[in-house]
Amino acid sequence: MFADPPLVTLQLGNELNPDTIKENDDVYFECNIRANPKEYKITWFHNNATVTQNMSSGVILSTHSLVLQGVSRHDGGRYTCLAANSKGETASKAVNLRVQCKYTVAVL
């Protein structure tokens, strides 16, 4: 196998419907990485700003996942992950998170 920069894709958690996410829902993203050599760093971004773990605010980073607990409208926007190995860095395409108002009423 050849040594190359990582191949990176980002997706919203499989069991989440992007059209029905509302305030106070829990949301997670999965950063899928194929890398040789193995990645040594994964960085998360929200609207181009670095995301850092803050468990008291419900932001949890694990190996390849970003968990947002109790999202608010402020959490909406574009998310990306970036993986780095000794051959370079690659960012995923952005995934847009739209957080709807908890009290949105359907018009009949």
PDB file of N, CA and C in Angstrom:
ATOM      1  N   MET A   1       0.842  -1.173   0.000  1.00  0.00           N
ATOM      2  CA  MET A   1       0.000   0.000   0.000  1.00  0.00           C
ATOM      3  C   MET A   1       0.888   1.238   0.000  1.00  0.00           C
ATOM      4  N   PHE A   2       0.500   2.222  -0.786  1.00  0.00           N
ATOM      5  CA  PHE A   2       1.270   3.449  -0.895  1.00  0.00           C
ATOM      6  C   PHE A   2       1.041   4.354   0.302  1.00  0.00           C
ATOM      7  N   ALA A   3       2.015   5.186   0.589  1.00  0.00           N
ATOM      8  CA  ALA A   3       1.876   6.181   1.648  1.00  0.00           C
ATOM      9  C   ALA A   3       1.341   7.466   1.031  1.00  0.00           C
ATOM     10  N   ASP A   4       0.238   7.970   1.579  1.00  0.00           N
ATOM     11  CA  ASP A   4      -0.422   9.164   1.053  1.00  0.00           C
ATOM     12  C   ASP A   4      -1.027   9.963   2.187  1.00  0.00           C
ATOM     13  N   PRO A   5      -1.375  11.228   1.916  1.00  0.00           N
ATOM     14  CA  PRO A   5      -2.167  11.968   2.899  1.00  0.00           C
ATOM     15  C   PRO A   5      -3.498  11.248   3.132  1.00  0.00           C
ATOM     16  N   PRO A   6      -4.130  11.489   4.257  1.00  0.00           N
ATOM     17  CA  PRO A   6      -5.384  10.789   4.577  1.00  0.00           C
ATOM     18  C   PRO A   6      -6.514  11.103   3.592  1.00  0.00           C
ATOM     19  N   LEU A   7      -7.417  10.132   3.434  1.00  0.00           N
ATOM     20  CA  LEU A   7      -8.694  10.351   2.750  1.00  0.00           C
ATOM     21  C   LEU A   7      -9.728  10.527   3.857  1.00  0.00           C
ATOM     22  N   VAL A   8     -10.468  11.619   3.822  1.00  0.00           N
ATOM     23  CA  VAL A   8     -11.326  11.983   4.942  1.00  0.00           C
ATOM     24  C   VAL A   8     -12.744  12.299   4.464  1.00  0.00           C
ATOM     25  N   THR A   9     -13.726  11.676   5.117  1.00  0.00           N
ATOM     26  CA  THR A   9     -15.127  12.013   4.874  1.00  0.00           C
ATOM     27  C   THR A   9     -15.806  12.231   6.219  1.00  0.00           C
ATOM     28  N   LEU A  10     -16.794  13.090   6.214  1.00  0.00           N
ATOM     29  CA  LEU A  10     -17.532  13.409   7.429  1.00  0.00           C
ATOM     30  C   LEU A  10     -19.003  13.143   7.182  1.00  0.00           C
ATOM     31  N   GLN A  11     -19.664  12.564   8.184  1.00  0.00           N
ATOM     32  CA  GLN A  11     -21.111  12.350   8.063  1.00  0.00           C
ATOM     33  C   GLN A  11     -21.777  12.553   9.407  1.00  0.00           C
ATOM     34  N   LEU A  12     -23.024  12.989   9.317  1.00  0.00           N
ATOM     35  CA  LEU A  12     -23.869  13.076  10.498  1.00  0.00           C
ATOM     36  C   LEU A  12     -24.176  11.652  10.931  1.00  0.00           C
ATOM     37  N   GLY A  13     -24.341  11.419  12.213  1.00  0.00           N
ATOM     38  CA  GLY A  13     -24.622  10.087  12.720  1.00  0.00           C
ATOM     39  C   GLY A  13     -25.717   9.389  11.939  1.00  0.00           C
ATOM     40  N   ASN A  14     -25.539   8.101  11.691  1.00  0.00           N
ATOM     41  CA  ASN A  14     -26.444   7.310  10.844  1.00  0.00           C
ATOM     42  C   ASN A  14     -27.905   7.376  11.261  1.00  0.00           C
ATOM     43  N   GLU A  15     -28.156   7.472  12.553  1.00  0.00           N
ATOM     44  CA  GLU A  15     -29.538   7.407  13.025  1.00  0.00           C
ATOM     45  C   GLU A  15     -30.191   8.778  13.118  1.00  0.00           C
ATOM     46  N   LEU A  16     -29.499   9.815  12.643  1.00  0.00           N
ATOM     47  CA  LEU A  16     -30.040  11.169  12.717  1.00  0.00           C
ATOM     48  C   LEU A  16     -30.624  11.592  11.382  1.00  0.00           C
ATOM     49  N   ASN A  17     -31.765  12.250  11.431  1.00  0.00           N
ATOM     50  CA  ASN A  17     -32.378  12.818  10.234  1.00  0.00           C
ATOM     51  C   ASN A  17     -32.035  14.305  10.220  1.00  0.00           C
ATOM     52  N   PRO A  18     -31.227  14.767   9.249  1.00  0.00           N
ATOM     53  CA  PRO A  18     -30.788  16.162   9.251  1.00  0.00           C
ATOM     54  C   PRO A  18     -31.932  17.173   9.136  1.00  0.00           C
ATOM     55  N   ASP A  19     -33.100  16.712   8.701  1.00  0.00           N
ATOM     56  CA  ASP A  19     -34.235  17.626   8.518  1.00  0.00           C
ATOM     57  C   ASP A  19     -35.087  17.779   9.773  1.00  0.00           C
ATOM     58  N   THR A  20     -34.805  16.997  10.820  1.00  0.00           N
ATOM     59  CA  THR A  20     -35.655  17.062  12.010  1.00  0.00           C
ATOM     60  C   THR A  20     -34.879  17.370  13.289  1.00  0.00           C
ATOM     61  N   ILE A  21     -33.652  17.861  13.160  1.00  0.00           N
ATOM     62  CA  ILE A  21     -32.862  18.189  14.354  1.00  0.00           C
ATOM     63  C   ILE A  21     -33.368  19.504  14.929  1.00  0.00           C
ATOM     64  N   LYS A  22     -33.673  19.469  16.234  1.00  0.00           N
ATOM     65  CA  LYS A  22     -34.188  20.667  16.886  1.00  0.00           C
ATOM     66  C   LYS A  22     -33.415  20.951  18.163  1.00  0.00           C
ATOM     67  N   GLU A  23     -33.636  22.119  18.720  1.00  0.00           N
ATOM     68  CA  GLU A  23     -32.957  22.523  19.946  1.00  0.00           C
ATOM     69  C   GLU A  23     -33.095  21.447  21.022  1.00  0.00           C
ATOM     70  N   ASN A  24     -32.038  21.255  21.773  1.00  0.00           N
ATOM     71  CA  ASN A  24     -31.925  20.283  22.876  1.00  0.00           C
ATOM     72  C   ASN A  24     -31.729  18.847  22.427  1.00  0.00           C
ATOM     73  N   ASP A  25     -31.704  18.573  21.120  1.00  0.00           N
ATOM     74  CA  ASP A  25     -31.374  17.229  20.634  1.00  0.00           C
ATOM     75  C   ASP A  25     -29.884  16.974  20.841  1.00  0.00           C
ATOM     76  N   ASP A  26     -29.514  15.703  20.894  1.00  0.00           N
ATOM     77  CA  ASP A  26     -28.106  15.302  20.891  1.00  0.00           C
ATOM     78  C   ASP A  26     -27.736  14.915  19.469  1.00  0.00           C
ATOM     79  N   VAL A  27     -26.580  15.390  19.016  1.00  0.00           N
ATOM     80  CA  VAL A  27     -26.143  15.194  17.635  1.00  0.00           C
ATOM     81  C   VAL A  27     -24.718  14.656  17.658  1.00  0.00           C
ATOM     82  N   TYR A  28     -24.393  13.796  16.698  1.00  0.00           N
ATOM     83  CA  TYR A  28     -23.002  13.371  16.591  1.00  0.00           C
ATOM     84  C   TYR A  28     -22.574  13.277  15.134  1.00  0.00           C
ATOM     85  N   PHE A  29     -21.301  13.510  14.927  1.00  0.00           N
ATOM     86  CA  PHE A  29     -20.672  13.416  13.612  1.00  0.00           C
ATOM     87  C   PHE A  29     -19.619  12.324  13.668  1.00  0.00           C
ATOM     88  N   GLU A  30     -19.418  11.665  12.529  1.00  0.00           N
ATOM     89  CA  GLU A  30     -18.381  10.642  12.415  1.00  0.00           C
ATOM     90  C   GLU A  30     -17.386  11.060  11.342  1.00  0.00           C
ATOM     91  N   CYS A  31     -16.113  11.101  11.706  1.00  0.00           N
ATOM     92  CA  CYS A  31     -15.036  11.423  10.771  1.00  0.00           C
ATOM     93  C   CYS A  31     -14.418  10.102  10.325  1.00  0.00           C
ATOM     94  N   ASN A  32     -14.626   9.740   9.067  1.00  0.00           N
ATOM     95  CA  ASN A  32     -14.117   8.487   8.524  1.00  0.00           C
ATOM     96  C   ASN A  32     -12.794   8.751   7.820  1.00  0.00           C
ATOM     97  N   ILE A  33     -11.761   8.030   8.231  1.00  0.00           N
ATOM     98  CA  ILE A  33     -10.411   8.294   7.742  1.00  0.00           C
ATOM     99  C   ILE A  33      -9.767   7.010   7.233  1.00  0.00           C
ATOM    100  N   ARG A  34      -9.212   7.104   6.035  1.00  0.00           N
ATOM    101  CA  ARG A  34      -8.347   6.041   5.513  1.00  0.00           C
ATOM    102  C   ARG A  34      -6.973   6.660   5.351  1.00  0.00           C
ATOM    103  N   ALA A  35      -6.000   6.131   6.077  1.00  0.00           N
ATOM    104  CA  ALA A  35      -4.674   6.742   6.048  1.00  0.00           C
ATOM    105  C   ALA A  35      -3.575   5.699   6.173  1.00  0.00           C
ATOM    106  N   ASN A  36      -2.549   5.873   5.363  1.00  0.00           N
ATOM    107  CA  ASN A  36      -1.329   5.080   5.454  1.00  0.00           C
ATOM    108  C   ASN A  36      -0.163   6.023   5.162  1.00  0.00           C
ATOM    109  N   PRO A  37       0.639   6.359   6.154  1.00  0.00           N
ATOM    110  CA  PRO A  37       0.583   5.883   7.538  1.00  0.00           C
ATOM    111  C   PRO A  37      -0.637   6.431   8.292  1.00  0.00           C
ATOM    112  N   LYS A  38      -0.917   5.798   9.421  1.00  0.00           N
ATOM    113  CA  LYS A  38      -2.076   6.144  10.247  1.00  0.00           C
ATOM    114  C   LYS A  38      -2.033   7.615  10.657  1.00  0.00           C
ATOM    115  N   GLU A  39      -3.223   8.195  10.759  1.00  0.00           N
ATOM    116  CA  GLU A  39      -3.306   9.592  11.193  1.00  0.00           C
ATOM    117  C   GLU A  39      -2.812   9.728  12.641  1.00  0.00           C
ATOM    118  N   TYR A  40      -2.195  10.852  12.928  1.00  0.00           N
ATOM    119  CA  TYR A  40      -1.738  11.113  14.296  1.00  0.00           C
ATOM    120  C   TYR A  40      -2.520  12.245  14.943  1.00  0.00           C
ATOM    121  N   LYS A  41      -3.372  12.919  14.148  1.00  0.00           N
ATOM    122  CA  LYS A  41      -4.134  14.035  14.701  1.00  0.00           C
ATOM    123  C   LYS A  41      -5.440  14.197  13.929  1.00  0.00           C
ATOM    124  N   ILE A  42      -6.519  14.452  14.672  1.00  0.00           N
ATOM    125  CA  ILE A  42      -7.808  14.797  14.082  1.00  0.00           C
ATOM    126  C   ILE A  42      -8.248  16.110  14.721  1.00  0.00           C
ATOM    127  N   THR A  43      -8.606  17.073  13.880  1.00  0.00           N
ATOM    128  CA  THR A  43      -9.060  18.369  14.360  1.00  0.00           C
ATOM    129  C   THR A  43     -10.460  18.624  13.818  1.00  0.00           C
ATOM    130  N   TRP A  44     -11.330  19.149  14.667  1.00  0.00           N
ATOM    131  CA  TRP A  44     -12.713  19.445  14.297  1.00  0.00           C
ATOM    132  C   TRP A  44     -12.904  20.947  14.154  1.00  0.00           C
ATOM    133  N   PHE A  45     -13.767  21.337  13.207  1.00  0.00           N
ATOM    134  CA  PHE A  45     -14.049  22.753  12.974  1.00  0.00           C
ATOM    135  C   PHE A  45     -15.549  22.992  12.878  1.00  0.00           C
ATOM    136  N   HIS A  46     -15.987  24.121  13.420  1.00  0.00           N
ATOM    137  CA  HIS A  46     -17.365  24.612  13.290  1.00  0.00           C
ATOM    138  C   HIS A  46     -17.267  26.011  12.703  1.00  0.00           C
ATOM    139  N   ASN A  47     -17.793  26.177  11.496  1.00  0.00           N
ATOM    140  CA  ASN A  47     -17.691  27.467  10.788  1.00  0.00           C
ATOM    141  C   ASN A  47     -16.246  27.975  10.782  1.00  0.00           C
ATOM    142  N   ASN A  48     -15.320  27.081  10.483  1.00  0.00           N
ATOM    143  CA  ASN A  48     -13.879  27.351  10.355  1.00  0.00           C
ATOM    144  C   ASN A  48     -13.167  27.657  11.665  1.00  0.00           C
ATOM    145  N   ALA A  49     -13.838  27.558  12.793  1.00  0.00           N
ATOM    146  CA  ALA A  49     -13.196  27.745  14.101  1.00  0.00           C
ATOM    147  C   ALA A  49     -12.960  26.373  14.733  1.00  0.00           C
ATOM    148  N   THR A  50     -11.813  26.189  15.368  1.00  0.00           N
ATOM    149  CA  THR A  50     -11.483  24.912  15.991  1.00  0.00           C
ATOM    150  C   THR A  50     -12.460  24.589  17.119  1.00  0.00           C
ATOM    151  N   VAL A  51     -12.917  23.344  17.135  1.00  0.00           N
ATOM    152  CA  VAL A  51     -13.800  22.853  18.199  1.00  0.00           C
ATOM    153  C   VAL A  51     -12.929  22.154  19.237  1.00  0.00           C
ATOM    154  N   THR A  52     -13.122  22.501  20.503  1.00  0.00           N
ATOM    155  CA  THR A  52     -12.389  21.843  21.582  1.00  0.00           C
ATOM    156  C   THR A  52     -13.375  21.171  22.522  1.00  0.00           C
ATOM    157  N   GLN A  53     -12.899  20.132  23.171  1.00  0.00           N
ATOM    158  CA  GLN A  53     -13.760  19.408  24.107  1.00  0.00           C
ATOM    159  C   GLN A  53     -14.132  20.297  25.284  1.00  0.00           C
ATOM    160  N   ASN A  54     -15.416  20.270  25.640  1.00  0.00           N
ATOM    161  CA  ASN A  54     -15.912  21.002  26.797  1.00  0.00           C
ATOM    162  C   ASN A  54     -17.100  20.214  27.327  1.00  0.00           C
ATOM    163  N   MET A  55     -16.819  19.241  28.168  1.00  0.00           N
ATOM    164  CA  MET A  55     -17.867  18.331  28.635  1.00  0.00           C
ATOM    165  C   MET A  55     -18.984  19.065  29.375  1.00  0.00           C
ATOM    166  N   SER A  56     -18.646  20.122  30.100  1.00  0.00           N
ATOM    167  CA  SER A  56     -19.691  20.848  30.830  1.00  0.00           C
ATOM    168  C   SER A  56     -20.637  21.583  29.882  1.00  0.00           C
ATOM    169  N   SER A  57     -20.177  21.858  28.647  1.00  0.00           N
ATOM    170  CA  SER A  57     -21.041  22.478  27.638  1.00  0.00           C
ATOM    171  C   SER A  57     -21.624  21.451  26.672  1.00  0.00           C
ATOM    172  N   GLY A  58     -21.322  20.166  26.892  1.00  0.00           N
ATOM    173  CA  GLY A  58     -21.873  19.120  26.047  1.00  0.00           C
ATOM    174  C   GLY A  58     -21.135  18.889  24.752  1.00  0.00           C
ATOM    175  N   VAL A  59     -19.862  19.302  24.672  1.00  0.00           N
ATOM    176  CA  VAL A  59     -19.041  19.067  23.477  1.00  0.00           C
ATOM    177  C   VAL A  59     -18.033  17.987  23.830  1.00  0.00           C
ATOM    178  N   ILE A  60     -18.189  16.813  23.193  1.00  0.00           N
ATOM    179  CA  ILE A  60     -17.360  15.652  23.532  1.00  0.00           C
ATOM    180  C   ILE A  60     -16.656  15.154  22.272  1.00  0.00           C
ATOM    181  N   LEU A  61     -15.336  15.056  22.355  1.00  0.00           N
ATOM    182  CA  LEU A  61     -14.536  14.527  21.254  1.00  0.00           C
ATOM    183  C   LEU A  61     -14.069  13.137  21.633  1.00  0.00           C
ATOM    184  N   SER A  62     -14.289  12.167  20.744  1.00  0.00           N
ATOM    185  CA  SER A  62     -13.719  10.845  20.936  1.00  0.00           C
ATOM    186  C   SER A  62     -12.873  10.534  19.711  1.00  0.00           C
ATOM    187  N   THR A  63     -12.412   9.326  19.579  1.00  0.00           N
ATOM    188  CA  THR A  63     -11.429   9.006  18.547  1.00  0.00           C
ATOM    189  C   THR A  63     -11.789   9.561  17.167  1.00  0.00           C
ATOM    190  N   HIS A  64     -12.949   9.214  16.640  1.00  0.00           N
ATOM    191  CA  HIS A  64     -13.359   9.698  15.327  1.00  0.00           C
ATOM    192  C   HIS A  64     -14.729  10.353  15.359  1.00  0.00           C
ATOM    193  N   SER A  65     -15.178  10.766  16.533  1.00  0.00           N
ATOM    194  CA  SER A  65     -16.532  11.314  16.665  1.00  0.00           C
ATOM    195  C   SER A  65     -16.530  12.651  17.395  1.00  0.00           C
ATOM    196  N   LEU A  66     -17.507  13.470  17.015  1.00  0.00           N
ATOM    197  CA  LEU A  66     -17.807  14.714  17.715  1.00  0.00           C
ATOM    198  C   LEU A  66     -19.251  14.603  18.173  1.00  0.00           C
ATOM    199  N   VAL A  67     -19.476  14.751  19.484  1.00  0.00           N
ATOM    200  CA  VAL A  67     -20.814  14.679  20.054  1.00  0.00           C
ATOM    201  C   VAL A  67     -21.181  16.063  20.584  1.00  0.00           C
ATOM    202  N   LEU A  68     -22.375  16.511  20.224  1.00  0.00           N
ATOM    203  CA  LEU A  68     -22.917  17.776  20.714  1.00  0.00           C
ATOM    204  C   LEU A  68     -24.188  17.444  21.479  1.00  0.00           C
ATOM    205  N   GLN A  69     -24.162  17.638  22.780  1.00  0.00           N
ATOM    206  CA  GLN A  69     -25.324  17.316  23.600  1.00  0.00           C
ATOM    207  C   GLN A  69     -26.175  18.568  23.799  1.00  0.00           C
ATOM    208  N   GLY A  70     -27.490  18.410  23.634  1.00  0.00           N
ATOM    209  CA  GLY A  70     -28.408  19.518  23.857  1.00  0.00           C
ATOM    210  C   GLY A  70     -28.121  20.707  22.965  1.00  0.00           C
ATOM    211  N   VAL A  71     -28.116  20.484  21.648  1.00  0.00           N
ATOM    212  CA  VAL A  71     -27.749  21.549  20.710  1.00  0.00           C
ATOM    213  C   VAL A  71     -28.689  22.751  20.817  1.00  0.00           C
ATOM    214  N   SER A  72     -28.135  23.899  20.453  1.00  0.00           N
ATOM    215  CA  SER A  72     -28.918  25.133  20.359  1.00  0.00           C
ATOM    216  C   SER A  72     -28.803  25.655  18.932  1.00  0.00           C
ATOM    217  N   ARG A  73     -29.514  26.706  18.632  1.00  0.00           N
ATOM    218  CA  ARG A  73     -29.432  27.296  17.285  1.00  0.00           C
ATOM    219  C   ARG A  73     -27.996  27.748  17.003  1.00  0.00           C
ATOM    220  N   HIS A  74     -27.289  28.150  18.044  1.00  0.00           N
ATOM    221  CA  HIS A  74     -25.893  28.597  17.918  1.00  0.00           C
ATOM    222  C   HIS A  74     -24.991  27.480  17.372  1.00  0.00           C
ATOM    223  N   ASP A  75     -25.358  26.225  17.600  1.00  0.00           N
ATOM    224  CA  ASP A  75     -24.551  25.094  17.136  1.00  0.00           C
ATOM    225  C   ASP A  75     -24.735  24.799  15.653  1.00  0.00           C
ATOM    226  N   GLY A  76     -25.727  25.413  15.045  1.00  0.00           N
ATOM    227  CA  GLY A  76     -25.931  25.209  13.609  1.00  0.00           C
ATOM    228  C   GLY A  76     -24.766  25.770  12.813  1.00  0.00           C
ATOM    229  N   GLY A  77     -24.577  25.244  11.609  1.00  0.00           N
ATOM    230  CA  GLY A  77     -23.514  25.740  10.737  1.00  0.00           C
ATOM    231  C   GLY A  77     -22.757  24.608  10.090  1.00  0.00           C
ATOM    232  N   ARG A  78     -21.572  24.942   9.591  1.00  0.00           N
ATOM    233  CA  ARG A  78     -20.770  24.006   8.813  1.00  0.00           C
ATOM    234  C   ARG A  78     -19.718  23.334   9.699  1.00  0.00           C
ATOM    235  N   TYR A  79     -19.679  22.005   9.649  1.00  0.00           N
ATOM    236  CA  TYR A  79     -18.713  21.219  10.416  1.00  0.00           C
ATOM    237  C   TYR A  79     -17.780  20.488   9.458  1.00  0.00           C
ATOM    238  N   THR A  80     -16.494  20.448   9.812  1.00  0.00           N
ATOM    239  CA  THR A  80     -15.504  19.678   9.064  1.00  0.00           C
ATOM    240  C   THR A  80     -14.568  19.001  10.055  1.00  0.00           C
ATOM    241  N   CYS A  81     -13.925  17.932   9.590  1.00  0.00           N
ATOM    242  CA  CYS A  81     -12.844  17.334  10.365  1.00  0.00           C
ATOM    243  C   CYS A  81     -11.611  17.295   9.468  1.00  0.00           C
ATOM    244  N   LEU A  82     -10.454  17.383  10.095  1.00  0.00           N
ATOM    245  CA  LEU A  82      -9.187  17.381   9.381  1.00  0.00           C
ATOM    246  C   LEU A  82      -8.307  16.306  10.007  1.00  0.00           C
ATOM    247  N   ALA A  83      -7.732  15.475   9.174  1.00  0.00           N
ATOM    248  CA  ALA A  83      -6.830  14.423   9.649  1.00  0.00           C
ATOM    249  C   ALA A  83      -5.434  14.687   9.103  1.00  0.00           C
ATOM    250  N   ALA A  84      -4.438  14.414   9.948  1.00  0.00           N
ATOM    251  CA  ALA A  84      -3.044  14.615   9.543  1.00  0.00           C
ATOM    252  C   ALA A  84      -2.245  13.337   9.771  1.00  0.00           C
ATOM    253  N   ASN A  85      -1.389  13.031   8.802  1.00  0.00           N
ATOM    254  CA  ASN A  85      -0.390  11.984   8.981  1.00  0.00           C
ATOM    255  C   ASN A  85       0.944  12.535   8.496  1.00  0.00           C
ATOM    256  N   SER A  86       1.960  11.708   8.467  1.00  0.00           N
ATOM    257  CA  SER A  86       3.288  12.203   8.103  1.00  0.00           C
ATOM    258  C   SER A  86       3.384  12.626   6.639  1.00  0.00           C
ATOM    259  N   LYS A  87       2.369  12.305   5.837  1.00  0.00           N
ATOM    260  CA  LYS A  87       2.374  12.677   4.421  1.00  0.00           C
ATOM    261  C   LYS A  87       1.549  13.924   4.127  1.00  0.00           C
ATOM    262  N   GLY A  88       0.814  14.433   5.123  1.00  0.00           N
ATOM    263  CA  GLY A  88       0.051  15.657   4.891  1.00  0.00           C
ATOM    264  C   GLY A  88      -1.227  15.715   5.696  1.00  0.00           C
ATOM    265  N   GLU A  89      -2.026  16.739   5.407  1.00  0.00           N
ATOM    266  CA  GLU A  89      -3.307  16.961   6.072  1.00  0.00           C
ATOM    267  C   GLU A  89      -4.410  17.002   5.028  1.00  0.00           C
ATOM    268  N   THR A  90      -5.582  16.488   5.400  1.00  0.00           N
ATOM    269  CA  THR A  90      -6.734  16.538   4.512  1.00  0.00           C
ATOM    270  C   THR A  90      -7.959  16.877   5.335  1.00  0.00           C
ATOM    271  N   ALA A  91      -8.749  17.826   4.834  1.00  0.00           N
ATOM    272  CA  ALA A  91     -10.009  18.181   5.482  1.00  0.00           C
ATOM    273  C   ALA A  91     -11.162  17.530   4.733  1.00  0.00           C
ATOM    274  N   SER A  92     -12.202  17.192   5.469  1.00  0.00           N
ATOM    275  CA  SER A  92     -13.416  16.650   4.857  1.00  0.00           C
ATOM    276  C   SER A  92     -14.185  17.770   4.165  1.00  0.00           C
ATOM    277  N   LYS A  93     -15.124  17.396   3.337  1.00  0.00           N
ATOM    278  CA  LYS A  93     -16.105  18.367   2.864  1.00  0.00           C
ATOM    279  C   LYS A  93     -16.982  18.743   4.054  1.00  0.00           C
ATOM    280  N   ALA A  94     -17.492  19.945   4.046  1.00  0.00           N
ATOM    281  CA  ALA A  94     -18.316  20.413   5.161  1.00  0.00           C
ATOM    282  C   ALA A  94     -19.677  19.724   5.173  1.00  0.00           C
ATOM    283  N   VAL A  95     -20.166  19.476   6.387  1.00  0.00           N
ATOM    284  CA  VAL A  95     -21.529  18.985   6.599  1.00  0.00           C
ATOM    285  C   VAL A  95     -22.272  20.095   7.335  1.00  0.00           C
ATOM    286  N   ASN A  96     -23.410  20.497   6.773  1.00  0.00           N
ATOM    287  CA  ASN A  96     -24.174  21.583   7.368  1.00  0.00           C
ATOM    288  C   ASN A  96     -25.159  21.032   8.401  1.00  0.00           C
ATOM    289  N   LEU A  97     -25.140  21.621   9.589  1.00  0.00           N
ATOM    290  CA  LEU A  97     -26.083  21.259  10.649  1.00  0.00           C
ATOM    291  C   LEU A  97     -27.097  22.383  10.779  1.00  0.00           C
ATOM    292  N   ARG A  98     -28.365  22.035  10.591  1.00  0.00           N
ATOM    293  CA  ARG A  98     -29.445  23.000  10.757  1.00  0.00           C
ATOM    294  C   ARG A  98     -30.229  22.608  11.998  1.00  0.00           C
ATOM    295  N   VAL A  99     -30.285  23.517  12.964  1.00  0.00           N
ATOM    296  CA  VAL A  99     -30.991  23.266  14.211  1.00  0.00           C
ATOM    297  C   VAL A  99     -32.274  24.092  14.191  1.00  0.00           C
ATOM    298  N   GLN A 100     -33.394  23.385  14.227  1.00  0.00           N
ATOM    299  CA  GLN A 100     -34.680  24.066  14.193  1.00  0.00           C
ATOM    300  C   GLN A 100     -35.122  24.455  15.594  1.00  0.00           C
ATOM    301  N   CYS A 101     -35.939  25.474  15.653  1.00  0.00           N
ATOM    302  CA  CYS A 101     -36.503  25.920  16.917  1.00  0.00           C
ATOM    303  C   CYS A 101     -37.317  24.766  17.523  1.00  0.00           C
ATOM    304  N   LYS A 102     -37.178  24.571  18.813  1.00  0.00           N
ATOM    305  CA  LYS A 102     -37.862  23.481  19.492  1.00  0.00           C
ATOM    306  C   LYS A 102     -39.380  23.604  19.356  1.00  0.00           C
ATOM    307  N   TYR A 103     -39.857  24.827  19.251  1.00  0.00           N
ATOM    308  CA  TYR A 103     -41.297  25.075  19.268  1.00  0.00           C
ATOM    309  C   TYR A 103     -41.868  25.394  17.902  1.00  0.00           C
ATOM    310  N   THR A 104     -41.182  24.933  16.838  1.00  0.00           N
ATOM    311  CA  THR A 104     -41.694  25.169  15.493  1.00  0.00           C
ATOM    312  C   THR A 104     -43.026  24.431  15.347  1.00  0.00           C
ATOM    313  N   VAL A 105     -44.030  25.148  14.870  1.00  0.00           N
ATOM    314  CA  VAL A 105     -45.368  24.565  14.714  1.00  0.00           C
ATOM    315  C   VAL A 105     -45.631  24.382  13.228  1.00  0.00           C
ATOM    316  N   ALA A 106     -46.067  23.202  12.877  1.00  0.00           N
ATOM    317  CA  ALA A 106     -46.398  22.927  11.475  1.00  0.00           C
ATOM    318  C   ALA A 106     -47.689  23.636  11.118  1.00  0.00           C
ATOM    319  N   VAL A 107     -47.707  24.221   9.917  1.00  0.00           N
ATOM    320  CA  VAL A 107     -48.917  24.878   9.431  1.00  0.00           C
ATOM    321  C   VAL A 107     -49.738  23.852   8.688  1.00  0.00           C
ATOM    322  N   LEU A 108     -51.000  23.749   9.042  1.00  0.00           N
ATOM    323  CA  LEU A 108     -51.877  22.761   8.394  1.00  0.00           C
ATOM    324  C   LEU A 108     -52.621  23.375   7.250  1.00  0.00           C
TER     325      LEU A 108
END
